Amino acid sequence: MLTDMHIAIVGGDARQLEIIRKLSEQDGKLSLIGFDQLDDGFAGANKHSFDTLNPASVDAVVLPVSGMNNEGEVESIFSKNKIILREEWLDKTPGHCVLYTGISNNLMKNMAKRTGKKLVELFERDDIAIFNSVPTAEGTLMMIIQNTNITIHGSKIIVSGFGRTGMTIARTLKALGADVEVAANEGDLRARAFEMHMESYPLKELAQRVRDKDVIVNTIPAKIFTADILSKMPAHTLIVDVASKPGGTDFRYAEKRGIKALLAPGLPGIVAPKTAGKIIANILADLLKEQLETEKGGNS
C-alpha cells in the first residue's frame, strides 16, 4: 500500500486515468495537475496547479508517457491551460522525490540532474515495452487494414527493427499469413527472425528489398527510409511508422512521391488506452512501493 505517500500526477491522456485509479486503490495521496476538466472523482485525489501545490510535500511526480516538450510543457487532454514543469518548482521537492515519466528529453534529464532528483524512464524498461508491444501490434493491424485495399494474408511486408516492439508486430503479421521480412543490423536479431521462419537482412539492403513490397512497418527511431530508399518503392506501398517522433521516414519525400506514410507513435494510448494505462499503472505502483520501502529503510 502507498498510504501517506504524496504523488503528483501531471497531465496526460486517458492512460493516466488508469494510473490514478490504481494508485488511489493503493491509498496514495494524489494531487492531480492538469485535470481541471476531468469530471470523474477519485478517492484521495485532489485537483491542483503547480501554483497551488506545495512542492515540499511531494514524494513523487508522475508525468505522462510523452513526458514534456523542449519548453517544459506537459500535454493534457483534460485541461485547456498550459502546464509547465519548472525547474524552480522541482527543486523545492524533497531530496527523495522521484520523477517518473514515459520518455524523457535532454531538458528533463538536465532538470533532474541539476535538482538532484532521480529520473525513471518507464518506457526504457523491458517489461513495459514488451507489454505495450501487444496493443501496438493491434494498432498496426488496424492501420494496415484501414489504409490498404488488399488482405494482410499474402501481402509482402517488411518490418524494420526487430526489438521488443518489432518482434511482436512481425510475429502477429506472419500469423495472419503475410510474407514478412525483417530488416535489422544486429546479427542476433536476424538469427531470431530466422528461427521464427522469417527472411532477414541488414538495413543496407533495404533499397533493393523494397521494390515489390505492399507494406513497410518501421520501429526504428532514426532516419531509415530516406528519399533514396523511398524512390525505389512502388507507389502503392503503405508505410506505418510506429517509432517515436519524428519517426524514421522522410515524410516530405513520401508525400511528394504519392506514397502514403503514416507516423503513428503512441498507438497503445490510441487503440487501447485502458489496457495501456493498466500496464503502466501496475509497474508504476510496484516502483512506488519500492521507493517507499527504500525511504522507510533510510529513515530507520
C-alpha atoms as a PDB file:
ATOM      1  CA  MET A   1       0.000   0.000   0.000  1.00  0.00           C
ATOM      2  CA  LEU A   2       1.030   3.598  -0.648  1.00  0.00           C
ATOM      3  CA  THR A   3      -0.601   5.071   2.452  1.00  0.00           C
ATOM      4  CA  ASP A   4       0.534   8.656   3.176  1.00  0.00           C
ATOM      5  CA  MET A   5       2.707   8.766   0.035  1.00  0.00           C
ATOM      6  CA  HIS A   6       2.030  12.074  -1.748  1.00  0.00           C
ATOM      7  CA  ILE A   7       2.099  11.661  -5.533  1.00  0.00           C
ATOM      8  CA  ALA A   8       1.639  14.478  -8.045  1.00  0.00           C
ATOM      9  CA  ILE A   9       0.182  13.213 -11.328  1.00  0.00           C
ATOM     10  CA  VAL A  10       0.727  15.709 -14.117  1.00  0.00           C
ATOM     11  CA  GLY A  11      -1.170  15.876 -17.415  1.00  0.00           C
ATOM     12  CA  GLY A  12      -1.501  13.126 -19.980  1.00  0.00           C
ATOM     13  CA  ASP A  13      -4.251  11.267 -21.765  1.00  0.00           C
ATOM     14  CA  ALA A  14      -6.760   8.522 -20.948  1.00  0.00           C
ATOM     15  CA  ARG A  15      -3.950   6.228 -19.804  1.00  0.00           C
ATOM     16  CA  GLN A  16      -3.397   8.497 -16.792  1.00  0.00           C
ATOM     17  CA  LEU A  17      -6.903   7.685 -15.555  1.00  0.00           C
ATOM     18  CA  GLU A  18      -5.902   4.065 -15.007  1.00  0.00           C
ATOM     19  CA  ILE A  19      -2.817   5.241 -13.135  1.00  0.00           C
ATOM     20  CA  ILE A  20      -4.947   7.499 -10.927  1.00  0.00           C
ATOM     21  CA  ARG A  21      -7.403   4.661 -10.298  1.00  0.00           C
ATOM     22  CA  LYS A  22      -4.652   2.168  -9.398  1.00  0.00           C
ATOM     23  CA  LEU A  23      -2.744   4.499  -7.079  1.00  0.00           C
ATOM     24  CA  SER A  24      -5.986   5.602  -5.439  1.00  0.00           C
ATOM     25  CA  GLU A  25      -6.805   1.944  -4.702  1.00  0.00           C
ATOM     26  CA  GLN A  26      -3.335   1.663  -3.126  1.00  0.00           C
ATOM     27  CA  ASP A  27      -4.293   4.500  -0.728  1.00  0.00           C
ATOM     28  CA  GLY A  28      -1.858   7.006  -2.198  1.00  0.00           C
ATOM     29  CA  LYS A  29      -2.454  10.700  -1.574  1.00  0.00           C
ATOM     30  CA  LEU A  30      -2.876  12.083  -5.080  1.00  0.00           C
ATOM     31  CA  SER A  31      -2.638  15.637  -6.389  1.00  0.00           C
ATOM     32  CA  LEU A  32      -3.806  15.991  -9.992  1.00  0.00           C
ATOM     33  CA  ILE A  33      -2.274  18.779 -12.081  1.00  0.00           C
ATOM     34  CA  GLY A  34      -3.794  19.429 -15.497  1.00  0.00           C
ATOM     35  CA  PHE A  35      -7.086  17.690 -14.803  1.00  0.00           C
ATOM     36  CA  ASP A  36      -9.378  20.686 -14.292  1.00  0.00           C
ATOM     37  CA  GLN A  37     -11.808  19.405 -16.966  1.00  0.00           C
ATOM     38  CA  LEU A  38     -11.947  15.879 -15.557  1.00  0.00           C
ATOM     39  CA  ASP A  39     -15.389  15.100 -14.168  1.00  0.00           C
ATOM     40  CA  ASP A  40     -14.527  11.755 -12.589  1.00  0.00           C
ATOM     41  CA  GLY A  41     -13.930  11.770  -8.861  1.00  0.00           C
ATOM     42  CA  PHE A  42     -11.243   9.582  -7.337  1.00  0.00           C
ATOM     43  CA  ALA A  43     -10.955   8.864  -3.629  1.00  0.00           C
ATOM     44  CA  GLY A  44      -7.948  10.586  -2.124  1.00  0.00           C
ATOM     45  CA  ALA A  45      -7.311  12.693  -5.232  1.00  0.00           C
ATOM     46  CA  ASN A  46      -7.485  16.490  -5.382  1.00  0.00           C
ATOM     47  CA  LYS A  47      -7.107  18.840  -8.336  1.00  0.00           C
ATOM     48  CA  HIS A  48      -4.279  21.349  -8.179  1.00  0.00           C
ATOM     49  CA  SER A  49      -1.983  23.502 -10.271  1.00  0.00           C
ATOM     50  CA  PHE A  50       1.751  23.894  -9.770  1.00  0.00           C
ATOM     51  CA  ASP A  51       0.959  27.232  -8.115  1.00  0.00           C
ATOM     52  CA  THR A  52      -1.392  25.732  -5.511  1.00  0.00           C
ATOM     53  CA  LEU A  53       0.553  22.562  -4.719  1.00  0.00           C
ATOM     54  CA  ASN A  54       3.310  22.758  -2.119  1.00  0.00           C
ATOM     55  CA  PRO A  55       6.329  21.017  -3.697  1.00  0.00           C
ATOM     56  CA  ALA A  56       7.886  20.329  -0.293  1.00  0.00           C
ATOM     57  CA  SER A  57       5.123  17.805   0.414  1.00  0.00           C
ATOM     58  CA  VAL A  58       5.511  15.764  -2.793  1.00  0.00           C
ATOM     59  CA  ASP A  59       7.200  12.344  -2.709  1.00  0.00           C
ATOM     60  CA  ALA A  60       6.873  11.519  -6.409  1.00  0.00           C
ATOM     61  CA  VAL A  61       5.974  13.305  -9.654  1.00  0.00           C
ATOM     62  CA  VAL A  62       4.335  11.226 -12.398  1.00  0.00           C
ATOM     63  CA  LEU A  63       4.469  12.705 -15.899  1.00  0.00           C
ATOM     64  CA  PRO A  64       2.588  11.217 -18.872  1.00  0.00           C
ATOM     65  CA  VAL A  65       4.061   8.839 -21.432  1.00  0.00           C
ATOM     66  CA  SER A  66       5.088  11.766 -23.649  1.00  0.00           C
ATOM     67  CA  GLY A  67       6.936  13.477 -20.800  1.00  0.00           C
ATOM     68  CA  MET A  68       7.341  17.139 -21.664  1.00  0.00           C
ATOM     69  CA  ASN A  69       8.485  19.116 -24.681  1.00  0.00           C
ATOM     70  CA  ASN A  70      11.637  21.206 -25.014  1.00  0.00           C
ATOM     71  CA  GLU A  71       9.901  24.170 -23.354  1.00  0.00           C
ATOM     72  CA  GLY A  72       8.900  22.116 -20.324  1.00  0.00           C
ATOM     73  CA  GLU A  73       5.239  21.942 -21.349  1.00  0.00           C
ATOM     74  CA  VAL A  74       3.297  18.819 -20.411  1.00  0.00           C
ATOM     75  CA  GLU A  75       0.395  17.800 -22.640  1.00  0.00           C
ATOM     76  CA  SER A  76      -3.009  17.091 -21.108  1.00  0.00           C
ATOM     77  CA  ILE A  77      -6.295  16.307 -22.805  1.00  0.00           C
ATOM     78  CA  PHE A  78      -8.080  17.211 -19.566  1.00  0.00           C
ATOM     79  CA  SER A  79      -7.078  20.872 -19.460  1.00  0.00           C
ATOM     80  CA  LYS A  80      -7.059  23.903 -21.747  1.00  0.00           C
ATOM     81  CA  ASN A  81      -4.404  25.570 -19.633  1.00  0.00           C
ATOM     82  CA  LYS A  82      -0.702  25.438 -20.410  1.00  0.00           C
ATOM     83  CA  ILE A  83       1.053  23.126 -17.943  1.00  0.00           C
ATOM     84  CA  ILE A  84       4.763  23.743 -17.487  1.00  0.00           C
ATOM     85  CA  LEU A  85       7.015  21.888 -15.070  1.00  0.00           C
ATOM     86  CA  ARG A  86       9.575  24.438 -13.960  1.00  0.00           C
ATOM     87  CA  GLU A  87      12.957  23.626 -12.508  1.00  0.00           C
ATOM     88  CA  GLU A  88      12.359  26.037  -9.627  1.00  0.00           C
ATOM     89  CA  TRP A  89       9.288  24.056  -8.534  1.00  0.00           C
ATOM     90  CA  LEU A  90      11.000  20.677  -8.857  1.00  0.00           C
ATOM     91  CA  ASP A  91      13.989  21.965  -6.904  1.00  0.00           C
ATOM     92  CA  LYS A  92      11.728  22.624  -3.915  1.00  0.00           C
ATOM     93  CA  THR A  93      10.563  18.996  -3.687  1.00  0.00           C
ATOM     94  CA  PRO A  94      12.268  16.776  -1.067  1.00  0.00           C
ATOM     95  CA  GLY A  95      15.552  15.119  -1.921  1.00  0.00           C
ATOM     96  CA  HIS A  96      13.915  11.691  -2.004  1.00  0.00           C
ATOM     97  CA  CYS A  97      11.290  12.816  -4.555  1.00  0.00           C
ATOM     98  CA  VAL A  98      11.417  10.719  -7.762  1.00  0.00           C
ATOM     99  CA  LEU A  99      10.410  11.911 -11.223  1.00  0.00           C
ATOM    100  CA  TYR A 100       8.604   9.243 -13.258  1.00  0.00           C
ATOM    101  CA  THR A 101       7.962   9.644 -16.991  1.00  0.00           C
ATOM    102  CA  GLY A 102       7.293   7.522 -20.047  1.00  0.00           C
ATOM    103  CA  ILE A 103      10.033   9.044 -22.165  1.00  0.00           C
ATOM    104  CA  SER A 104      12.330  11.988 -21.498  1.00  0.00           C
ATOM    105  CA  ASN A 105      14.357  14.571 -23.366  1.00  0.00           C
ATOM    106  CA  ASN A 106      17.551  16.479 -22.634  1.00  0.00           C
ATOM    107  CA  LEU A 107      15.655  19.247 -20.845  1.00  0.00           C
ATOM    108  CA  MET A 108      14.109  16.792 -18.395  1.00  0.00           C
ATOM    109  CA  LYS A 109      17.354  14.899 -17.862  1.00  0.00           C
ATOM    110  CA  ASN A 110      19.257  18.102 -17.168  1.00  0.00           C
ATOM    111  CA  MET A 111      16.487  19.386 -14.909  1.00  0.00           C
ATOM    112  CA  ALA A 112      16.545  16.168 -12.868  1.00  0.00           C
ATOM    113  CA  LYS A 113      20.344  16.273 -12.659  1.00  0.00           C
ATOM    114  CA  ARG A 114      20.509  19.913 -11.567  1.00  0.00           C
ATOM    115  CA  THR A 115      17.833  19.423  -8.897  1.00  0.00           C
ATOM    116  CA  GLY A 116      19.286  16.132  -7.676  1.00  0.00           C
ATOM    117  CA  LYS A 117      16.151  14.137  -8.468  1.00  0.00           C
ATOM    118  CA  LYS A 118      16.113  10.527  -9.567  1.00  0.00           C
ATOM    119  CA  LEU A 119      14.568  10.179 -13.047  1.00  0.00           C
ATOM    120  CA  VAL A 120      12.810   6.946 -14.019  1.00  0.00           C
ATOM    121  CA  GLU A 121      12.020   6.483 -17.714  1.00  0.00           C
ATOM    122  CA  LEU A 122       9.313   3.830 -17.715  1.00  0.00           C
ATOM    123  CA  PHE A 123       9.480   3.097 -21.430  1.00  0.00           C
ATOM    124  CA  GLU A 124      13.136   2.148 -21.122  1.00  0.00           C
ATOM    125  CA  ARG A 125      12.027  -0.877 -19.108  1.00  0.00           C
ATOM    126  CA  ASP A 126      11.752  -4.207 -20.933  1.00  0.00           C
ATOM    127  CA  ASP A 127       8.577  -5.238 -19.129  1.00  0.00           C
ATOM    128  CA  ILE A 128       6.560  -2.162 -20.128  1.00  0.00           C
ATOM    129  CA  ALA A 129       7.932  -2.190 -23.681  1.00  0.00           C
ATOM    130  CA  ILE A 130       7.011  -5.851 -24.160  1.00  0.00           C
ATOM    131  CA  PHE A 131       3.555  -5.468 -22.627  1.00  0.00           C
ATOM    132  CA  ASN A 132       2.972  -2.384 -24.795  1.00  0.00           C
ATOM    133  CA  SER A 133       4.038  -4.196 -27.950  1.00  0.00           C
ATOM    134  CA  VAL A 134       0.708  -6.061 -27.924  1.00  0.00           C
ATOM    135  CA  PRO A 135      -1.598  -3.025 -28.324  1.00  0.00           C
ATOM    136  CA  THR A 136       0.997  -1.532 -30.691  1.00  0.00           C
ATOM    137  CA  ALA A 137       0.751  -4.610 -32.907  1.00  0.00           C
ATOM    138  CA  GLU A 138      -3.053  -4.491 -32.814  1.00  0.00           C
ATOM    139  CA  GLY A 139      -2.997  -0.808 -33.713  1.00  0.00           C
ATOM    140  CA  THR A 140      -0.612  -1.524 -36.588  1.00  0.00           C
ATOM    141  CA  LEU A 141      -3.023  -4.145 -37.932  1.00  0.00           C
ATOM    142  CA  MET A 142      -5.856  -1.617 -37.718  1.00  0.00           C
ATOM    143  CA  MET A 143      -3.899   0.972 -39.686  1.00  0.00           C
ATOM    144  CA  ILE A 144      -2.888  -1.518 -42.381  1.00  0.00           C
ATOM    145  CA  ILE A 145      -6.476  -2.724 -42.820  1.00  0.00           C
ATOM    146  CA  GLN A 146      -7.844   0.830 -42.930  1.00  0.00           C
ATOM    147  CA  ASN A 147      -5.291   2.109 -45.433  1.00  0.00           C
ATOM    148  CA  THR A 148      -4.901  -0.701 -47.963  1.00  0.00           C
ATOM    149  CA  ASN A 149      -7.233  -2.484 -50.380  1.00  0.00           C
ATOM    150  CA  ILE A 150      -5.602  -5.900 -50.003  1.00  0.00           C
ATOM    151  CA  THR A 151      -5.666  -8.544 -47.310  1.00  0.00           C
ATOM    152  CA  ILE A 152      -2.816  -8.891 -44.863  1.00  0.00           C
ATOM    153  CA  HIS A 153      -2.794 -12.572 -45.777  1.00  0.00           C
ATOM    154  CA  GLY A 154      -0.457 -12.928 -48.739  1.00  0.00           C
ATOM    155  CA  SER A 155       0.826  -9.352 -48.619  1.00  0.00           C
ATOM    156  CA  LYS A 156       4.552  -8.620 -48.782  1.00  0.00           C
ATOM    157  CA  ILE A 157       5.684  -6.755 -45.667  1.00  0.00           C
ATOM    158  CA  ILE A 158       8.984  -5.510 -44.269  1.00  0.00           C
ATOM    159  CA  VAL A 159       9.331  -4.852 -40.540  1.00  0.00           C
ATOM    160  CA  SER A 160      12.383  -2.677 -39.901  1.00  0.00           C
ATOM    161  CA  GLY A 161      13.766  -3.182 -36.445  1.00  0.00           C
ATOM    162  CA  PHE A 162      13.303  -6.422 -34.529  1.00  0.00           C
ATOM    163  CA  GLY A 163      13.391  -5.305 -30.930  1.00  0.00           C
ATOM    164  CA  ARG A 164      10.662  -5.677 -28.342  1.00  0.00           C
ATOM    165  CA  THR A 165       8.007  -4.000 -30.497  1.00  0.00           C
ATOM    166  CA  GLY A 166       9.159  -5.119 -33.941  1.00  0.00           C
ATOM    167  CA  MET A 167       9.244  -8.760 -32.923  1.00  0.00           C
ATOM    168  CA  THR A 168       5.631  -8.748 -31.726  1.00  0.00           C
ATOM    169  CA  ILE A 169       4.441  -6.892 -34.837  1.00  0.00           C
ATOM    170  CA  ALA A 170       6.295  -9.258 -37.192  1.00  0.00           C
ATOM    171  CA  ARG A 171       5.033 -12.347 -35.386  1.00  0.00           C
ATOM    172  CA  THR A 172       1.436 -11.063 -35.494  1.00  0.00           C
ATOM    173  CA  LEU A 173       1.574 -10.243 -39.206  1.00  0.00           C
ATOM    174  CA  LYS A 174       3.115 -13.602 -40.039  1.00  0.00           C
ATOM    175  CA  ALA A 175       0.429 -15.397 -38.025  1.00  0.00           C
ATOM    176  CA  LEU A 176      -2.147 -13.728 -40.287  1.00  0.00           C
ATOM    177  CA  GLY A 177      -0.474 -15.149 -43.382  1.00  0.00           C
ATOM    178  CA  ALA A 178       1.683 -12.227 -44.504  1.00  0.00           C
ATOM    179  CA  ASP A 179       5.049 -12.767 -46.185  1.00  0.00           C
ATOM    180  CA  VAL A 180       7.148 -10.946 -43.562  1.00  0.00           C
ATOM    181  CA  GLU A 181      10.784  -9.925 -43.950  1.00  0.00           C
ATOM    182  CA  VAL A 182      12.860  -8.355 -41.191  1.00  0.00           C
ATOM    183  CA  ALA A 183      15.452  -5.615 -41.654  1.00  0.00           C
ATOM    184  CA  ALA A 184      17.859  -5.297 -38.724  1.00  0.00           C
ATOM    185  CA  ASN A 185      21.584  -4.711 -38.360  1.00  0.00           C
ATOM    186  CA  GLU A 186      22.008  -6.835 -35.237  1.00  0.00           C
ATOM    187  CA  GLY A 187      23.084 -10.378 -36.061  1.00  0.00           C
ATOM    188  CA  ASP A 188      21.366 -11.886 -33.037  1.00  0.00           C
ATOM    189  CA  LEU A 189      18.045 -10.310 -34.028  1.00  0.00           C
ATOM    190  CA  ARG A 190      18.350 -11.612 -37.580  1.00  0.00           C
ATOM    191  CA  ALA A 191      19.083 -15.040 -36.127  1.00  0.00           C
ATOM    192  CA  ARG A 192      15.895 -14.805 -34.056  1.00  0.00           C
ATOM    193  CA  ALA A 193      13.934 -13.863 -37.195  1.00  0.00           C
ATOM    194  CA  PHE A 194      15.399 -16.917 -38.951  1.00  0.00           C
ATOM    195  CA  GLU A 195      14.293 -19.098 -36.043  1.00  0.00           C
ATOM    196  CA  MET A 196      10.779 -17.669 -36.493  1.00  0.00           C
ATOM    197  CA  HIS A 197      10.829 -18.579 -40.223  1.00  0.00           C
ATOM    198  CA  MET A 198      11.229 -15.009 -41.480  1.00  0.00           C
ATOM    199  CA  GLU A 199      13.811 -13.865 -44.010  1.00  0.00           C
ATOM    200  CA  SER A 200      16.094 -11.174 -42.591  1.00  0.00           C
ATOM    201  CA  TYR A 201      18.886  -8.899 -43.772  1.00  0.00           C
ATOM    202  CA  PRO A 202      20.813  -5.764 -42.700  1.00  0.00           C
ATOM    203  CA  LEU A 203      19.386  -2.285 -43.257  1.00  0.00           C
ATOM    204  CA  LYS A 204      21.828  -1.563 -46.083  1.00  0.00           C
ATOM    205  CA  GLU A 205      19.847  -3.987 -48.278  1.00  0.00           C
ATOM    206  CA  LEU A 206      16.557  -2.083 -47.924  1.00  0.00           C
ATOM    207  CA  ALA A 207      16.977  -0.186 -51.201  1.00  0.00           C
ATOM    208  CA  GLN A 208      16.925  -3.486 -53.120  1.00  0.00           C
ATOM    209  CA  ARG A 209      14.301  -5.172 -50.942  1.00  0.00           C
ATOM    210  CA  VAL A 210      11.524  -2.539 -51.001  1.00  0.00           C
ATOM    211  CA  ARG A 211      10.854  -2.751 -54.744  1.00  0.00           C
ATOM    212  CA  ASP A 212       7.898  -5.149 -54.508  1.00  0.00           C
ATOM    213  CA  LYS A 213       6.575  -4.558 -51.009  1.00  0.00           C
ATOM    214  CA  ASP A 214       2.980  -3.752 -50.084  1.00  0.00           C
ATOM    215  CA  VAL A 215       3.592  -2.531 -46.524  1.00  0.00           C
ATOM    216  CA  ILE A 216       6.547  -1.249 -44.512  1.00  0.00           C
ATOM    217  CA  VAL A 217       6.347  -1.123 -40.705  1.00  0.00           C
ATOM    218  CA  ASN A 218       9.177   0.876 -39.164  1.00  0.00           C
ATOM    219  CA  THR A 219      10.036   0.627 -35.471  1.00  0.00           C
ATOM    220  CA  ILE A 220      13.485   2.288 -35.571  1.00  0.00           C
ATOM    221  CA  PRO A 221      13.640   5.898 -34.267  1.00  0.00           C
ATOM    222  CA  ALA A 222      16.239   7.028 -36.810  1.00  0.00           C
ATOM    223  CA  LYS A 223      16.023   8.191 -40.443  1.00  0.00           C
ATOM    224  CA  ILE A 224      15.945   4.779 -42.118  1.00  0.00           C
ATOM    225  CA  PHE A 225      13.586   5.385 -45.037  1.00  0.00           C
ATOM    226  CA  THR A 226      15.398   8.161 -46.857  1.00  0.00           C
ATOM    227  CA  ALA A 227      14.470   9.659 -50.207  1.00  0.00           C
ATOM    228  CA  ASP A 228      16.830   7.216 -51.906  1.00  0.00           C
ATOM    229  CA  ILE A 229      15.052   4.180 -50.454  1.00  0.00           C
ATOM    230  CA  LEU A 230      11.561   5.656 -50.915  1.00  0.00           C
ATOM    231  CA  SER A 231      12.329   6.262 -54.604  1.00  0.00           C
ATOM    232  CA  LYS A 232      12.686   2.505 -55.070  1.00  0.00           C
ATOM    233  CA  MET A 233       9.236   1.675 -53.604  1.00  0.00           C
ATOM    234  CA  PRO A 234       6.059   1.071 -55.587  1.00  0.00           C
ATOM    235  CA  ALA A 235       3.623   3.992 -55.300  1.00  0.00           C
ATOM    236  CA  HIS A 236       1.041   1.752 -53.616  1.00  0.00           C
ATOM    237  CA  THR A 237       3.324   0.880 -50.688  1.00  0.00           C
ATOM    238  CA  LEU A 238       1.934   1.837 -47.277  1.00  0.00           C
ATOM    239  CA  ILE A 239       4.387   2.905 -44.567  1.00  0.00           C
ATOM    240  CA  VAL A 240       3.289   2.649 -40.942  1.00  0.00           C
ATOM    241  CA  ASP A 241       5.970   4.286 -38.792  1.00  0.00           C
ATOM    242  CA  VAL A 242       5.455   3.434 -35.124  1.00  0.00           C
ATOM    243  CA  ALA A 243       8.821   4.776 -33.955  1.00  0.00           C
ATOM    244  CA  SER A 244       8.846   7.701 -31.542  1.00  0.00           C
ATOM    245  CA  LYS A 245       8.710  11.187 -33.088  1.00  0.00           C
ATOM    246  CA  PRO A 246       9.925  12.248 -35.588  1.00  0.00           C
ATOM    247  CA  GLY A 247       9.910   8.655 -36.841  1.00  0.00           C
ATOM    248  CA  GLY A 248      12.297   7.032 -39.297  1.00  0.00           C
ATOM    249  CA  THR A 249      10.758   8.159 -42.598  1.00  0.00           C
ATOM    250  CA  ASP A 250      11.301  11.108 -44.914  1.00  0.00           C
ATOM    251  CA  PHE A 251       7.617  12.053 -44.858  1.00  0.00           C
ATOM    252  CA  ARG A 252       8.104  15.064 -47.102  1.00  0.00           C
ATOM    253  CA  TYR A 253       9.554  12.972 -49.913  1.00  0.00           C
ATOM    254  CA  ALA A 254       6.995  10.209 -49.378  1.00  0.00           C
ATOM    255  CA  GLU A 255       4.191  12.718 -49.893  1.00  0.00           C
ATOM    256  CA  LYS A 256       5.931  14.073 -52.990  1.00  0.00           C
ATOM    257  CA  ARG A 257       6.057  10.562 -54.440  1.00  0.00           C
ATOM    258  CA  GLY A 258       2.447   9.821 -53.534  1.00  0.00           C
ATOM    259  CA  ILE A 259       3.379   7.143 -51.015  1.00  0.00           C
ATOM    260  CA  LYS A 260       1.061   7.013 -48.026  1.00  0.00           C
ATOM    261  CA  ALA A 261       3.279   7.245 -44.941  1.00  0.00           C
ATOM    262  CA  LEU A 262       1.682   7.397 -41.506  1.00  0.00           C
ATOM    263  CA  LEU A 263       3.509   8.417 -38.343  1.00  0.00           C
ATOM    264  CA  ALA A 264       1.835   6.542 -35.516  1.00  0.00           C
ATOM    265  CA  PRO A 265       3.743   6.780 -32.223  1.00  0.00           C
ATOM    266  CA  GLY A 266       1.794   6.090 -29.049  1.00  0.00           C
ATOM    267  CA  LEU A 267      -0.551   3.552 -30.649  1.00  0.00           C
ATOM    268  CA  PRO A 268      -1.321   1.829 -27.310  1.00  0.00           C
ATOM    269  CA  GLY A 269      -2.805   5.061 -25.968  1.00  0.00           C
ATOM    270  CA  ILE A 270      -4.923   5.438 -29.108  1.00  0.00           C
ATOM    271  CA  VAL A 271      -6.276   1.944 -29.723  1.00  0.00           C
ATOM    272  CA  ALA A 272      -6.337   0.570 -26.172  1.00  0.00           C
ATOM    273  CA  PRO A 273      -5.857   3.335 -23.584  1.00  0.00           C
ATOM    274  CA  LYS A 274      -7.433   1.309 -20.767  1.00  0.00           C
ATOM    275  CA  THR A 275      -5.130  -1.671 -21.304  1.00  0.00           C
ATOM    276  CA  ALA A 276      -2.098   0.551 -21.927  1.00  0.00           C
ATOM    277  CA  GLY A 277      -2.902   2.544 -18.789  1.00  0.00           C
ATOM    278  CA  LYS A 278      -3.186  -0.596 -16.677  1.00  0.00           C
ATOM    279  CA  ILE A 279       0.204  -1.793 -17.923  1.00  0.00           C
ATOM    280  CA  ILE A 280       1.864   1.425 -16.808  1.00  0.00           C
ATOM    281  CA  ALA A 281      -0.164   1.648 -13.592  1.00  0.00           C
ATOM    282  CA  ASN A 282       0.797  -1.833 -12.382  1.00  0.00           C
ATOM    283  CA  ILE A 283       4.519  -1.299 -12.971  1.00  0.00           C
ATOM    284  CA  LEU A 284       4.405   2.216 -11.518  1.00  0.00           C
ATOM    285  CA  ALA A 285       2.628   1.022  -8.370  1.00  0.00           C
ATOM    286  CA  ASP A 286       5.388  -1.534  -7.792  1.00  0.00           C
ATOM    287  CA  LEU A 287       8.096   1.086  -8.319  1.00  0.00           C
ATOM    288  CA  LEU A 288       6.429   3.498  -5.898  1.00  0.00           C
ATOM    289  CA  LYS A 289       6.196   0.752  -3.277  1.00  0.00           C
ATOM    290  CA  GLU A 290       9.910   0.073  -3.744  1.00  0.00           C
ATOM    291  CA  GLN A 291      10.602   3.791  -3.361  1.00  0.00           C
ATOM    292  CA  LEU A 292       8.516   3.917  -0.194  1.00  0.00           C
ATOM    293  CA  GLU A 293      10.324   0.903   1.283  1.00  0.00           C
ATOM    294  CA  THR A 294      13.685   2.495   0.463  1.00  0.00           C
ATOM    295  CA  GLU A 295      12.637   5.728   2.179  1.00  0.00           C
ATOM    296  CA  LYS A 296      11.478   3.801   5.257  1.00  0.00           C
ATOM    297  CA  GLY A 297      14.752   1.882   5.329  1.00  0.00           C
ATOM    298  CA  GLY A 298      16.723   5.094   5.083  1.00  0.00           C
ATOM    299  CA  ASN A 299      14.745   6.658   7.928  1.00  0.00           C
ATOM    300  CA  SER A 300      15.015   3.697  10.273  1.00  0.00           C
END
